[in-house]
Each structure stands twice: as C-alpha cells, then as structure tokens.
PDB file of N, CA and C in Angstrom:
ATOM      1  N   MET A   1       0.840  -1.186  -0.023  1.00  0.00           N
ATOM      2  CA  MET A   1       0.045   0.030  -0.022  1.00  0.00           C
ATOM      3  C   MET A   1       0.890   1.229   0.014  1.00  0.00           C
ATOM      4  N   ALA A   2       0.550   2.214  -0.793  1.00  0.00           N
ATOM      5  CA  ALA A   2       1.336   3.443  -0.887  1.00  0.00           C
ATOM      6  C   ALA A   2       0.876   4.406   0.214  1.00  0.00           C
ATOM      7  N   TYR A   3       1.830   5.064   0.855  1.00  0.00           N
ATOM      8  CA  TYR A   3       1.588   6.074   1.881  1.00  0.00           C
ATOM      9  C   TYR A   3       2.209   7.390   1.390  1.00  0.00           C
ATOM     10  N   PRO A   4       1.466   8.455   1.390  1.00  0.00           N
ATOM     11  CA  PRO A   4       2.009   9.767   0.948  1.00  0.00           C
ATOM     12  C   PRO A   4       2.998  10.302   1.979  1.00  0.00           C
ATOM     13  N   THR A   5       3.903  11.173   1.493  1.00  0.00           N
ATOM     14  CA  THR A   5       4.757  11.952   2.292  1.00  0.00           C
ATOM     15  C   THR A   5       4.135  13.339   2.383  1.00  0.00           C
ATOM     16  N   ILE A   6       3.811  13.798   3.573  1.00  0.00           N
ATOM     17  CA  ILE A   6       3.096  15.040   3.747  1.00  0.00           C
ATOM     18  C   ILE A   6       3.992  16.012   4.550  1.00  0.00           C
ATOM     19  N   HIS A   7       4.027  17.264   4.052  1.00  0.00           N
ATOM     20  CA  HIS A   7       4.795  18.269   4.683  1.00  0.00           C
ATOM     21  C   HIS A   7       3.869  19.398   5.125  1.00  0.00           C
ATOM     22  N   TYR A   8       4.115  19.985   6.271  1.00  0.00           N
ATOM     23  CA  TYR A   8       3.264  21.042   6.834  1.00  0.00           C
ATOM     24  C   TYR A   8       4.083  22.333   6.931  1.00  0.00           C
ATOM     25  N   SER A   9       3.471  23.441   6.618  1.00  0.00           N
ATOM     26  CA  SER A   9       4.097  24.749   6.772  1.00  0.00           C
ATOM     27  C   SER A   9       3.305  25.487   7.842  1.00  0.00           C
ATOM     28  N   LEU A  10       3.886  25.571   9.009  1.00  0.00           N
ATOM     29  CA  LEU A  10       3.236  26.164  10.143  1.00  0.00           C
ATOM     30  C   LEU A  10       3.931  27.480  10.436  1.00  0.00           C
ATOM     31  N   ASP A  11       3.248  28.524  10.694  1.00  0.00           N
ATOM     32  CA  ASP A  11       3.822  29.820  11.198  1.00  0.00           C
ATOM     33  C   ASP A  11       2.833  30.470  12.150  1.00  0.00           C
ATOM     34  N   SER A  12       3.107  31.675  12.510  1.00  0.00           N
ATOM     35  CA  SER A  12       2.308  32.363  13.569  1.00  0.00           C
ATOM     36  C   SER A  12       0.857  32.627  13.103  1.00  0.00           C
ATOM     37  N   THR A  13       0.598  32.574  11.795  1.00  0.00           N
ATOM     38  CA  THR A  13      -0.767  32.813  11.347  1.00  0.00           C
ATOM     39  C   THR A  13      -1.558  31.556  11.097  1.00  0.00           C
ATOM     40  N   THR A  14      -0.907  30.396  11.358  1.00  0.00           N
ATOM     41  CA  THR A  14      -1.639  29.156  11.174  1.00  0.00           C
ATOM     42  C   THR A  14      -2.672  28.905  12.220  1.00  0.00           C
ATOM     43  N   ALA A  15      -3.888  28.697  11.820  1.00  0.00           N
ATOM     44  CA  ALA A  15      -4.979  28.369  12.759  1.00  0.00           C
ATOM     45  C   ALA A  15      -5.095  26.847  12.903  1.00  0.00           C
ATOM     46  N   ARG A  16      -4.954  26.391  14.141  1.00  0.00           N
ATOM     47  CA  ARG A  16      -5.086  24.930  14.448  1.00  0.00           C
ATOM     48  C   ARG A  16      -6.221  24.747  15.437  1.00  0.00           C
ATOM     49  N   PRO A  17      -7.392  24.259  14.978  1.00  0.00           N
ATOM     50  CA  PRO A  17      -8.520  24.123  15.859  1.00  0.00           C
ATOM     51  C   PRO A  17      -8.377  23.014  16.880  1.00  0.00           C
ATOM     52  N   ASN A  18      -9.080  23.138  17.951  1.00  0.00           N
ATOM     53  CA  ASN A  18      -9.161  22.122  18.991  1.00  0.00           C
ATOM     54  C   ASN A  18     -10.424  21.353  18.692  1.00  0.00           C
ATOM     55  N   ILE A  19     -10.267  20.065  18.464  1.00  0.00           N
ATOM     56  CA  ILE A  19     -11.436  19.255  18.029  1.00  0.00           C
ATOM     57  C   ILE A  19     -11.456  17.949  18.836  1.00  0.00           C
ATOM     58  N   LEU A  20     -12.644  17.344  18.800  1.00  0.00           N
ATOM     59  CA  LEU A  20     -12.851  15.993  19.265  1.00  0.00           C
ATOM     60  C   LEU A  20     -13.444  15.235  18.095  1.00  0.00           C
ATOM     61  N   VAL A  21     -12.817  14.090  17.748  1.00  0.00           N
ATOM     62  CA  VAL A  21     -13.299  13.285  16.622  1.00  0.00           C
ATOM     63  C   VAL A  21     -13.749  11.943  17.178  1.00  0.00           C
ATOM     64  N   ILE A  22     -14.895  11.457  16.797  1.00  0.00           N
ATOM     65  CA  ILE A  22     -15.335  10.115  17.149  1.00  0.00           C
ATOM     66  C   ILE A  22     -15.179   9.249  15.910  1.00  0.00           C
ATOM     67  N   VAL A  23     -14.350   8.191  16.074  1.00  0.00           N
ATOM     68  CA  VAL A  23     -13.840   7.501  14.866  1.00  0.00           C
ATOM     69  C   VAL A  23     -13.828   6.003  15.032  1.00  0.00           C
ATOM     70  N   ASP A  24     -13.586   5.336  13.920  1.00  0.00           N
ATOM     71  CA  ASP A  24     -13.322   3.888  13.934  1.00  0.00           C
ATOM     72  C   ASP A  24     -11.827   3.662  13.750  1.00  0.00           C
ATOM     73  N   SER A  25     -11.469   2.437  13.438  1.00  0.00           N
ATOM     74  CA  SER A  25     -10.024   2.103  13.386  1.00  0.00           C
ATOM     75  C   SER A  25      -9.300   2.696  12.241  1.00  0.00           C
ATOM     76  N   TYR A  26      -9.987   3.214  11.182  1.00  0.00           N
ATOM     77  CA  TYR A  26      -9.319   3.798  10.026  1.00  0.00           C
ATOM     78  C   TYR A  26      -8.619   5.106  10.427  1.00  0.00           C
ATOM     79  N   TYR A  27      -9.172   5.859  11.358  1.00  0.00           N
ATOM     80  CA  TYR A  27      -8.542   7.115  11.755  1.00  0.00           C
ATOM     81  C   TYR A  27      -7.208   6.882  12.464  1.00  0.00           C
ATOM     82  N   HIS A  28      -7.062   5.719  13.089  1.00  0.00           N
ATOM     83  CA  HIS A  28      -5.778   5.471  13.739  1.00  0.00           C
ATOM     84  C   HIS A  28      -4.606   5.516  12.754  1.00  0.00           C
ATOM     85  N   VAL A  29      -4.800   5.092  11.556  1.00  0.00           N
ATOM     86  CA  VAL A  29      -3.765   5.162  10.523  1.00  0.00           C
ATOM     87  C   VAL A  29      -3.363   6.629  10.336  1.00  0.00           C
ATOM     88  N   LEU A  30      -4.338   7.510  10.190  1.00  0.00           N
ATOM     89  CA  LEU A  30      -3.998   8.996  10.050  1.00  0.00           C
ATOM     90  C   LEU A  30      -3.252   9.492  11.289  1.00  0.00           C
ATOM     91  N   HIS A  31      -3.707   8.992  12.446  1.00  0.00           N
ATOM     92  CA  HIS A  31      -3.040   9.450  13.704  1.00  0.00           C
ATOM     93  C   HIS A  31      -1.607   8.971  13.741  1.00  0.00           C
ATOM     94  N   ASP A  32      -1.385   7.718  13.366  1.00  0.00           N
ATOM     95  CA  ASP A  32      -0.010   7.215  13.326  1.00  0.00           C
ATOM     96  C   ASP A  32       0.879   7.905  12.311  1.00  0.00           C
ATOM     97  N   MET A  33       0.316   8.426  11.255  1.00  0.00           N
ATOM     98  CA  MET A  33       1.051   9.231  10.234  1.00  0.00           C
ATOM     99  C   MET A  33       1.365  10.629  10.747  1.00  0.00           C
ATOM    100  N   GLY A  34       0.783  11.043  11.849  1.00  0.00           N
ATOM    101  CA  GLY A  34       1.030  12.336  12.417  1.00  0.00           C
ATOM    102  C   GLY A  34       0.174  13.519  11.881  1.00  0.00           C
ATOM    103  N   ILE A  35      -0.865  13.135  11.066  1.00  0.00           N
ATOM    104  CA  ILE A  35      -1.626  14.199  10.421  1.00  0.00           C
ATOM    105  C   ILE A  35      -2.391  15.027  11.418  1.00  0.00           C
ATOM    106  N   PRO A  36      -3.170  14.402  12.329  1.00  0.00           N
ATOM    107  CA  PRO A  36      -3.941  15.220  13.254  1.00  0.00           C
ATOM    108  C   PRO A  36      -3.036  16.046  14.172  1.00  0.00           C
ATOM    109  N   GLN A  37      -1.902  15.536  14.549  1.00  0.00           N
ATOM    110  CA  GLN A  37      -0.960  16.224  15.448  1.00  0.00           C
ATOM    111  C   GLN A  37      -0.465  17.472  14.798  1.00  0.00           C
ATOM    112  N   GLN A  38      -0.402  17.544  13.481  1.00  0.00           N
ATOM    113  CA  GLN A  38       0.088  18.749  12.810  1.00  0.00           C
ATOM    114  C   GLN A  38      -1.084  19.700  12.457  1.00  0.00           C
ATOM    115  N   LEU A  39      -2.273  19.166  12.260  1.00  0.00           N
ATOM    116  CA  LEU A  39      -3.391  19.960  11.863  1.00  0.00           C
ATOM    117  C   LEU A  39      -4.183  20.613  13.028  1.00  0.00           C
ATOM    118  N   PHE A  40      -4.206  19.925  14.189  1.00  0.00           N
ATOM    119  CA  PHE A  40      -5.021  20.344  15.299  1.00  0.00           C
ATOM    120  C   PHE A  40      -4.145  20.668  16.521  1.00  0.00           C
ATOM    121  N   THR A  41      -4.735  21.337  17.501  1.00  0.00           N
ATOM    122  CA  THR A  41      -4.042  21.746  18.744  1.00  0.00           C
ATOM    123  C   THR A  41      -3.583  20.517  19.512  1.00  0.00           C
ATOM    124  N   PRO A  42      -2.598  20.657  20.393  1.00  0.00           N
ATOM    125  CA  PRO A  42      -2.151  19.481  21.206  1.00  0.00           C
ATOM    126  C   PRO A  42      -3.267  18.972  22.113  1.00  0.00           C
ATOM    127  N   ASP A  43      -4.289  19.713  22.408  1.00  0.00           N
ATOM    128  CA  ASP A  43      -5.374  19.274  23.244  1.00  0.00           C
ATOM    129  C   ASP A  43      -6.421  18.463  22.495  1.00  0.00           C
ATOM    130  N   ALA A  44      -6.326  18.453  21.134  1.00  0.00           N
ATOM    131  CA  ALA A  44      -7.301  17.716  20.335  1.00  0.00           C
ATOM    132  C   ALA A  44      -7.204  16.219  20.641  1.00  0.00           C
ATOM    133  N   ALA A  45      -8.368  15.548  20.611  1.00  0.00           N
ATOM    134  CA  ALA A  45      -8.343  14.101  20.942  1.00  0.00           C
ATOM    135  C   ALA A  45      -9.331  13.388  19.986  1.00  0.00           C
ATOM    136  N   TYR A  46      -9.260  12.079  20.026  1.00  0.00           N
ATOM    137  CA  TYR A  46     -10.282  11.334  19.281  1.00  0.00           C
ATOM    138  C   TYR A  46     -10.800  10.186  20.179  1.00  0.00           C
ATOM    139  N   TRP A  47     -12.041   9.869  20.030  1.00  0.00           N
ATOM    140  CA  TRP A  47     -12.643   8.827  20.781  1.00  0.00           C
ATOM    141  C   TRP A  47     -12.775   7.645  19.852  1.00  0.00           C
ATOM    142  N   HIS A  48     -12.064   6.558  20.181  1.00  0.00           N
ATOM    143  CA  HIS A  48     -12.034   5.384  19.392  1.00  0.00           C
ATOM    144  C   HIS A  48     -13.226   4.509  19.787  1.00  0.00           C
ATOM    145  N   TYR A  49     -14.139   4.323  18.826  1.00  0.00           N
ATOM    146  CA  TYR A  49     -15.358   3.470  19.055  1.00  0.00           C
ATOM    147  C   TYR A  49     -16.120   3.991  20.296  1.00  0.00           C
ATOM    148  N   PHE A  50     -15.988   5.266  20.671  1.00  0.00           N
ATOM    149  CA  PHE A  50     -16.746   5.775  21.817  1.00  0.00           C
ATOM    150  C   PHE A  50     -16.359   5.047  23.113  1.00  0.00           C
ATOM    151  N   GLU A  51     -15.221   4.396  23.125  1.00  0.00           N
ATOM    152  CA  GLU A  51     -14.823   3.603  24.285  1.00  0.00           C
ATOM    153  C   GLU A  51     -13.585   4.164  25.000  1.00  0.00           C
ATOM    154  N   ARG A  52     -12.648   4.826  24.243  1.00  0.00           N
ATOM    155  CA  ARG A  52     -11.438   5.360  24.909  1.00  0.00           C
ATOM    156  C   ARG A  52     -11.030   6.584  24.159  1.00  0.00           C
ATOM    157  N   GLU A  53     -10.356   7.491  24.949  1.00  0.00           N
ATOM    158  CA  GLU A  53      -9.870   8.768  24.387  1.00  0.00           C
ATOM    159  C   GLU A  53      -8.408   8.639  24.122  1.00  0.00           C
ATOM    160  N   VAL A  54      -7.999   9.003  22.947  1.00  0.00           N
ATOM    161  CA  VAL A  54      -6.563   8.979  22.515  1.00  0.00           C
ATOM    162  C   VAL A  54      -6.199  10.441  22.233  1.00  0.00           C
ATOM    163  N   SER A  55      -5.108  10.837  22.832  1.00  0.00           N
ATOM    164  CA  SER A  55      -4.589  12.212  22.580  1.00  0.00           C
ATOM    165  C   SER A  55      -3.110  12.263  22.813  1.00  0.00           C
ATOM    166  N   LEU A  56      -2.504  13.403  22.687  1.00  0.00           N
ATOM    167  CA  LEU A  56      -1.083  13.507  22.955  1.00  0.00           C
ATOM    168  C   LEU A  56      -0.808  13.282  24.459  1.00  0.00           C
ATOM    169  N   LYS A  57      -1.752  13.638  25.329  1.00  0.00           N
ATOM    170  CA  LYS A  57      -1.624  13.370  26.741  1.00  0.00           C
ATOM    171  C   LYS A  57      -1.766  11.905  27.090  1.00  0.00           C
ATOM    172  N   HIS A  58      -2.547  11.175  26.302  1.00  0.00           N
ATOM    173  CA  HIS A  58      -2.845   9.759  26.523  1.00  0.00           C
ATOM    174  C   HIS A  58      -2.712   9.018  25.239  1.00  0.00           C
ATOM    175  N   PRO A  59      -1.504   8.839  24.726  1.00  0.00           N
ATOM    176  CA  PRO A  59      -1.292   8.201  23.381  1.00  0.00           C
ATOM    177  C   PRO A  59      -1.800   6.772  23.300  1.00  0.00           C
ATOM    178  N   GLU A  60      -1.820   6.034  24.487  1.00  0.00           N
ATOM    179  CA  GLU A  60      -2.299   4.672  24.451  1.00  0.00           C
ATOM    180  C   GLU A  60      -3.795   4.616  24.674  1.00  0.00           C
ATOM    181  N   GLY A  61      -4.410   5.742  25.059  1.00  0.00           N
ATOM    182  CA  GLY A  61      -5.816   5.812  25.283  1.00  0.00           C
ATOM    183  C   GLY A  61      -6.198   5.527  26.742  1.00  0.00           C
ATOM    184  N   ILE A  62      -7.285   6.181  27.160  1.00  0.00           N
ATOM    185  CA  ILE A  62      -7.870   5.932  28.477  1.00  0.00           C
ATOM    186  C   ILE A  62      -9.332   5.681  28.288  1.00  0.00           C
ATOM    187  N   PRO A  63      -9.949   4.879  29.137  1.00  0.00           N
ATOM    188  CA  PRO A  63     -11.378   4.630  29.015  1.00  0.00           C
ATOM    189  C   PRO A  63     -12.211   5.934  29.194  1.00  0.00           C
ATOM    190  N   ILE A  64     -13.158   6.158  28.324  1.00  0.00           N
ATOM    191  CA  ILE A  64     -13.937   7.399  28.418  1.00  0.00           C
ATOM    192  C   ILE A  64     -14.729   7.462  29.676  1.00  0.00           C
ATOM    193  N   ASN A  65     -15.292   6.373  30.135  1.00  0.00           N
ATOM    194  CA  ASN A  65     -16.162   6.399  31.282  1.00  0.00           C
ATOM    195  C   ASN A  65     -15.381   6.607  32.625  1.00  0.00           C
ATOM    196  N   LYS A  66     -14.008   6.556  32.597  1.00  0.00           N
ATOM    197  CA  LYS A  66     -13.247   6.700  33.765  1.00  0.00           C
ATOM    198  C   LYS A  66     -12.421   8.000  33.797  1.00  0.00           C
ATOM    199  N   GLN A  67     -12.584   8.815  32.786  1.00  0.00           N
ATOM    200  CA  GLN A  67     -11.763   9.990  32.719  1.00  0.00           C
ATOM    201  C   GLN A  67     -12.427  11.149  33.475  1.00  0.00           C
ATOM    202  N   ARG A  68     -11.619  12.144  33.832  1.00  0.00           N
ATOM    203  CA  ARG A  68     -12.032  13.354  34.527  1.00  0.00           C
ATOM    204  C   ARG A  68     -12.799  13.036  35.757  1.00  0.00           C
TER     205      ARG A  68
END
C-alpha cells in the first residue's frame, strides 16, 4: 500500500482548531502518520469507538467512562 509523504508549513498565522473526533479504526492510521498532530491543537483528541480517548496526553488511550 502506498503512503504519501506530507509536509506542513506552520507559522504564527496558522490556525489549528481544537477538536474531538469520534472514529473507527481507520482514523488510527491517520493518527499514526502524524496528520492530526500537525493540523489540530495538542489538546485535540479522538474517541475510538466511543470507548477510549486517545490524545497527545494519553497516546495509548484511556477509558472514556473513567476520565475526569
């Protein structure tokens, strides 16, 4: 399978939104490629199958029902 090489140009005018994405396993491929980490704020997270939260703070994921 071919994987693209992606380059980001970030400067002081780059807007990076803080988002929460509810996803299935396909999004994990994008996450492993570093795409969300470059496009969104460090506080952005995704909920994998609505069961665990994965973010830069919790790269292995934590159960959603036990957080906060």
